[in-house]
Amino acid sequence: MENRSIESLGEPIFNSRSSQIYNWEEDILLKLFHEDIAPELIKHEHINTVETYEKGISAIECLGVVQIGNRTGLLIRRIPGKTLIALAGSNPGIVFRTPKIMADLQSRMHATHTQKIRSYKELTLNLLDSSPLSFLTPEEKELAKKKVKALPDGDSILHLDYHPDNIMSDGKRETIIDWMTSSRGAPAADVAATLFLLNEGEMIPGLSKAVAKVMEMIRRIICKKYYKKYKQITGVTDNEVALWRLPFLIVRLGIWNIESEVPELQRKIREELAL
């Protein structure tokens, strides 16, 4: 790949917490990660994107890794469509279809198995020794490790950042995008993550209070209907899902460490440890 500068890329066509999306060539996009994103996370997103494409559960094809100055990027094949959130602006009816879309896609993903993607339990255990989890006492960390180790293993593909803005649609088919946090493990773990994201996760930054309130209500309704549909499809129980709340709170704090969420995540982790 030829050398390019940040300036030569022009303006990004999309911004997220972890990266910016640029046009690279006619049918290729560049997902350029911010400088503060850990190289290990980028490495895993590369592995995860390749594996999920080869397994047929994502249409996102990774074409390689590039370096732009001090930043690392993935080249990905452009696909038609918009995220479900973006589509809702021009087609509000998509909101009513979203719970079924989410449940169907996620259940198919969970029926797909892998050994190439990292273990969710190992990821969680490693994060307990990271800086964002240093608020825990040694005794609390040992208790957390004991609880995580006691959970069932699994080899299903999990997304762990699964919500409507990480699903793209061209009106004919939908596909899951953004595989940075993907792991392998028990399907209930991924459901626990989605329940947190739709019920408790930070809203999109920059929204007005009025818009944020409406979005909050909509996402909770979507969550309730999605969860009901997923349980109908798979037979997973509330108790199975509840077991995985603690690991996701650890992963959410350990990987993303979103400033506005930190105090509540610390409180919720201690609540789970007290159960």
Protein backbone atom coordinates (compact mmCIF):
# COMPACT_ATOMS: atom_id res chain seq x y z
CA MET A 1 0.00 0.00 0.00
CA GLU A 2 1.30 3.46 -0.85
CA ASN A 3 2.17 5.96 1.87
CA ARG A 4 -0.49 8.54 2.60
CA SER A 5 -0.80 11.38 5.08
CA ILE A 6 -3.76 12.24 7.28
CA GLU A 7 -4.20 15.46 5.31
CA SER A 8 -4.45 13.61 2.00
CA LEU A 9 -7.44 11.63 3.26
CA GLY A 10 -9.72 14.65 3.39
CA GLU A 11 -12.59 14.85 5.86
CA PRO A 12 -13.81 11.68 7.60
CA ILE A 13 -17.24 10.46 6.56
CA PHE A 14 -17.96 9.06 10.03
CA ASN A 15 -16.59 9.50 13.56
CA SER A 16 -16.85 7.16 16.53
CA ARG A 17 -15.21 6.80 19.95
CA SER A 18 -12.54 4.47 18.60
CA SER A 19 -12.03 5.51 14.98
CA GLN A 20 -12.80 7.61 11.93
CA ILE A 21 -13.98 6.29 8.57
CA TYR A 22 -12.44 7.73 5.38
CA ASN A 23 -12.85 7.09 1.69
CA TRP A 24 -9.76 5.22 0.45
CA GLU A 25 -10.62 4.05 -3.03
CA GLU A 26 -13.86 3.73 -4.96
CA ASP A 27 -14.94 0.51 -3.27
CA ILE A 28 -12.67 0.61 -0.22
CA LEU A 29 -12.96 2.46 3.10
CA LEU A 30 -10.30 3.14 5.71
CA LYS A 31 -11.20 2.63 9.34
CA LEU A 32 -8.50 4.71 11.06
CA PHE A 33 -8.19 4.18 14.81
CA HIS A 34 -7.46 7.03 17.19
CA GLU A 35 -3.93 7.15 18.59
CA ASP A 36 -5.05 6.21 22.11
CA ILE A 37 -6.64 2.91 21.04
CA ALA A 38 -4.51 0.04 22.31
CA PRO A 39 -2.70 -1.91 19.55
CA GLU A 40 -4.02 -5.14 21.09
CA LEU A 41 -7.61 -4.02 20.46
CA ILE A 42 -6.82 -3.19 16.83
CA LYS A 43 -5.10 -6.55 16.37
CA HIS A 44 -8.17 -8.33 17.67
CA GLU A 45 -10.54 -6.31 15.51
CA HIS A 46 -8.51 -7.41 12.48
CA ILE A 47 -8.69 -11.07 13.54
CA ASN A 48 -12.39 -10.80 14.41
CA THR A 49 -13.36 -9.06 11.17
CA VAL A 50 -11.58 -11.65 9.04
CA GLU A 51 -13.06 -14.56 11.00
CA THR A 52 -16.65 -13.30 10.99
CA TYR A 53 -16.49 -12.60 7.25
CA GLU A 54 -15.09 -16.05 6.54
CA LYS A 55 -17.76 -17.63 8.74
CA GLY A 56 -20.44 -15.82 6.74
CA ILE A 57 -22.01 -13.85 9.58
CA SER A 58 -20.71 -10.44 8.46
CA ALA A 59 -20.46 -8.81 5.04
CA ILE A 60 -17.52 -6.68 6.20
CA GLU A 61 -14.43 -7.85 4.33
CA CYS A 62 -11.06 -6.72 5.70
CA LEU A 63 -8.44 -6.13 3.00
CA GLY A 64 -5.44 -5.39 5.19
CA VAL A 65 -3.79 -3.13 7.76
CA VAL A 66 -2.18 0.25 7.01
CA GLN A 67 -0.24 2.82 9.00
CA ILE A 68 -1.04 6.52 8.59
CA GLY A 69 1.43 8.54 10.63
CA ASN A 70 1.04 7.36 14.23
CA ARG A 71 -2.34 5.78 13.59
CA THR A 72 -3.28 2.28 12.49
CA GLY A 73 -6.14 1.53 10.14
CA LEU A 74 -8.02 -1.34 8.55
CA LEU A 75 -8.99 -1.31 4.89
CA ILE A 76 -12.50 -2.66 4.44
CA ARG A 77 -14.64 -3.32 1.40
CA ARG A 78 -17.40 -0.75 1.05
CA ILE A 79 -20.89 -2.22 1.32
CA PRO A 80 -24.20 -0.48 0.51
CA GLY A 81 -26.55 0.67 3.23
CA LYS A 82 -26.75 2.61 6.47
CA THR A 83 -26.96 1.70 10.13
CA LEU A 84 -30.42 1.06 11.55
CA ILE A 85 -30.13 4.28 13.55
CA ALA A 86 -29.28 6.31 10.44
CA LEU A 87 -32.10 4.68 8.47
CA ALA A 88 -34.63 5.58 11.17
CA GLY A 89 -34.23 9.25 10.30
CA SER A 90 -35.72 8.80 6.83
CA ASN A 91 -37.68 5.61 7.48
CA PRO A 92 -39.16 5.60 11.01
CA GLY A 93 -40.81 2.26 10.31
CA ILE A 94 -37.42 0.57 10.67
CA VAL A 95 -37.75 1.08 14.44
CA PHE A 96 -40.62 -1.43 14.55
CA ARG A 97 -38.57 -4.02 12.65
CA THR A 98 -35.39 -3.51 14.67
CA PRO A 99 -36.13 -5.92 17.60
CA LYS A 100 -36.73 -8.86 15.24
CA ILE A 101 -33.71 -7.95 13.10
CA MET A 102 -31.52 -7.81 16.20
CA ALA A 103 -32.77 -11.11 17.63
CA ASP A 104 -32.49 -12.96 14.32
CA LEU A 105 -28.98 -11.72 13.53
CA GLN A 106 -27.67 -12.29 17.03
CA SER A 107 -29.09 -15.81 17.33
CA ARG A 108 -27.44 -16.74 14.01
CA MET A 109 -24.18 -15.25 15.19
CA HIS A 110 -24.37 -17.26 18.43
CA ALA A 111 -24.98 -20.44 16.44
CA THR A 112 -21.60 -19.85 14.76
CA HIS A 113 -18.53 -21.23 16.54
CA THR A 114 -14.87 -20.26 16.52
CA GLN A 115 -11.49 -20.97 18.07
CA LYS A 116 -9.70 -18.05 16.37
CA ILE A 117 -11.35 -15.27 18.37
CA ARG A 118 -10.17 -14.60 21.94
CA SER A 119 -11.93 -16.07 24.98
CA TYR A 120 -14.37 -13.74 26.71
CA LYS A 121 -13.57 -15.17 30.13
CA GLU A 122 -9.83 -14.68 29.57
CA LEU A 123 -10.44 -11.11 28.38
CA THR A 124 -12.45 -10.36 31.51
CA LEU A 125 -9.89 -11.89 33.85
CA ASN A 126 -7.05 -9.95 32.21
CA LEU A 127 -8.96 -6.67 32.50
CA LEU A 128 -9.28 -7.13 36.25
CA ASP A 129 -5.56 -6.32 36.40
CA SER A 130 -5.88 -3.20 34.22
CA SER A 131 -5.72 0.39 35.43
CA PRO A 132 -9.48 1.15 35.23
CA LEU A 133 -10.16 -1.75 37.64
CA SER A 134 -7.54 -0.61 40.17
CA PHE A 135 -10.30 0.83 42.38
CA LEU A 136 -11.04 -2.73 43.53
CA THR A 137 -9.30 -4.07 46.64
CA PRO A 138 -7.19 -7.24 46.28
CA GLU A 139 -9.98 -9.16 48.03
CA GLU A 140 -12.60 -7.80 45.64
CA LYS A 141 -10.46 -8.73 42.63
CA GLU A 142 -10.04 -12.27 43.89
CA LEU A 143 -13.79 -12.57 44.40
CA ALA A 144 -14.42 -11.22 40.89
CA LYS A 145 -11.96 -13.72 39.41
CA LYS A 146 -13.61 -16.55 41.30
CA LYS A 147 -17.05 -15.56 39.99
CA VAL A 148 -15.83 -15.25 36.39
CA LYS A 149 -13.91 -18.54 36.44
CA ALA A 150 -17.05 -20.33 37.67
CA LEU A 151 -19.05 -19.26 34.61
CA PRO A 152 -19.57 -21.68 31.71
CA ASP A 153 -17.17 -21.69 28.78
CA GLY A 154 -18.35 -21.54 25.20
CA ASP A 155 -17.13 -21.11 21.64
CA SER A 156 -19.95 -19.08 20.11
CA ILE A 157 -19.05 -15.80 18.40
CA LEU A 158 -20.04 -12.88 20.63
CA HIS A 159 -20.08 -9.23 19.57
CA LEU A 160 -20.23 -7.43 22.96
CA ASP A 161 -21.08 -4.05 21.39
CA TYR A 162 -24.29 -5.19 19.77
CA HIS A 163 -26.90 -2.47 19.25
CA PRO A 164 -28.81 -0.93 16.30
CA ASP A 165 -25.98 1.43 15.34
CA ASN A 166 -23.72 -1.58 14.71
CA ILE A 167 -26.15 -3.17 12.26
CA MET A 168 -26.20 -2.02 8.63
CA SER A 169 -29.02 -2.51 6.14
CA ASP A 170 -29.40 -1.84 2.42
CA GLY A 171 -33.12 -2.51 2.55
CA LYS A 172 -32.68 -6.13 1.46
CA ARG A 173 -30.34 -7.60 4.02
CA GLU A 174 -28.70 -6.65 7.28
CA THR A 175 -25.16 -7.24 8.51
CA ILE A 176 -23.28 -6.69 11.77
CA ILE A 177 -20.33 -4.28 11.82
CA ASP A 178 -17.57 -3.16 14.24
CA TRP A 179 -15.97 -6.28 15.69
CA MET A 180 -13.37 -4.75 18.03
CA THR A 181 -14.76 -6.23 21.24
CA SER A 182 -15.82 -9.57 19.76
CA SER A 183 -14.93 -12.67 21.75
CA ARG A 184 -15.89 -16.32 21.95
CA GLY A 185 -17.98 -17.68 24.76
CA ALA A 186 -21.49 -18.40 26.01
CA PRO A 187 -24.30 -16.66 24.08
CA ALA A 188 -25.94 -15.40 27.29
CA ALA A 189 -22.84 -13.23 27.85
CA ASP A 190 -23.52 -11.29 24.66
CA VAL A 191 -27.18 -10.83 25.55
CA ALA A 192 -26.18 -9.41 28.94
CA ALA A 193 -23.95 -6.92 27.12
CA THR A 194 -26.77 -5.80 24.82
CA LEU A 195 -29.17 -5.38 27.74
CA PHE A 196 -26.67 -3.07 29.43
CA LEU A 197 -26.00 -1.05 26.27
CA LEU A 198 -29.67 -0.47 25.51
CA ASN A 199 -30.78 0.18 29.09
CA GLU A 200 -27.79 1.75 30.82
CA GLY A 201 -25.09 2.71 28.32
CA GLU A 202 -24.21 6.35 27.69
CA MET A 203 -26.33 7.98 25.01
CA ILE A 204 -24.74 9.35 21.82
CA PRO A 205 -22.65 12.39 22.88
CA GLY A 206 -23.93 15.81 21.82
CA LEU A 207 -27.68 15.10 21.84
CA SER A 208 -29.99 17.73 23.28
CA LYS A 209 -31.83 16.76 26.47
CA ALA A 210 -35.14 16.51 24.61
CA VAL A 211 -33.76 14.27 21.86
CA ALA A 212 -31.82 12.16 24.36
CA LYS A 213 -35.00 11.59 26.36
CA VAL A 214 -36.90 10.39 23.29
CA MET A 215 -33.98 8.18 22.19
CA GLU A 216 -33.77 6.71 25.69
CA MET A 217 -37.43 5.74 25.59
CA ILE A 218 -37.16 4.26 22.09
CA ARG A 219 -34.09 2.17 22.86
CA ARG A 220 -35.69 0.72 26.01
CA ILE A 221 -38.77 -0.31 24.04
CA ILE A 222 -36.54 -1.88 21.37
CA CYS A 223 -34.56 -3.68 24.08
CA LYS A 224 -37.64 -5.18 25.72
CA LYS A 225 -39.02 -6.51 22.42
CA TYR A 226 -35.61 -7.71 21.17
CA TYR A 227 -34.96 -9.63 24.40
CA LYS A 228 -38.38 -11.28 24.32
CA LYS A 229 -37.83 -12.36 20.70
CA TYR A 230 -34.30 -13.65 21.37
CA LYS A 231 -35.55 -15.76 24.28
CA GLN A 232 -38.31 -17.20 22.07
CA ILE A 233 -35.75 -18.17 19.41
CA THR A 234 -33.07 -19.62 21.68
CA GLY A 235 -34.70 -20.58 24.98
CA VAL A 236 -32.10 -18.68 27.02
CA THR A 237 -33.32 -17.80 30.52
CA ASP A 238 -33.15 -14.61 32.58
CA ASN A 239 -31.00 -16.41 35.16
CA GLU A 240 -28.45 -17.48 32.53
CA VAL A 241 -28.16 -13.91 31.25
CA ALA A 242 -27.95 -12.37 34.73
CA LEU A 243 -24.82 -14.41 35.50
CA TRP A 244 -22.95 -12.44 32.84
CA ARG A 245 -23.70 -8.93 34.07
CA LEU A 246 -20.55 -8.71 36.21
CA PRO A 247 -18.16 -9.70 33.37
CA PHE A 248 -19.65 -7.11 31.04
CA LEU A 249 -19.44 -4.34 33.64
CA ILE A 250 -15.74 -5.21 33.96
CA VAL A 251 -15.24 -5.22 30.19
CA ARG A 252 -17.17 -1.98 29.72
CA LEU A 253 -15.01 -0.21 32.29
CA GLY A 254 -11.75 -1.93 31.38
CA ILE A 255 -11.91 -1.37 27.61
CA TRP A 256 -13.95 1.80 27.11
CA ASN A 257 -13.47 3.60 30.43
CA ILE A 258 -15.98 6.31 29.41
CA GLU A 259 -15.55 9.15 31.89
CA SER A 260 -19.26 9.78 32.44
CA GLU A 261 -19.89 6.08 33.14
CA VAL A 262 -16.98 5.39 35.52
CA PRO A 263 -18.58 6.18 38.91
CA GLU A 264 -21.73 4.19 38.11
CA LEU A 265 -19.79 1.25 36.69
CA GLN A 266 -17.62 1.10 39.79
CA ARG A 267 -20.75 1.13 41.97
CA LYS A 268 -22.48 -1.53 39.87
CA ILE A 269 -19.43 -3.81 39.89
CA ARG A 270 -19.34 -3.66 43.68
CA GLU A 271 -23.08 -4.35 43.78
CA GLU A 272 -22.58 -7.51 41.70
CA LEU A 273 -19.71 -8.65 43.90
CA ALA A 274 -21.95 -8.32 46.95
CA LEU A 275 -24.58 -10.71 45.52
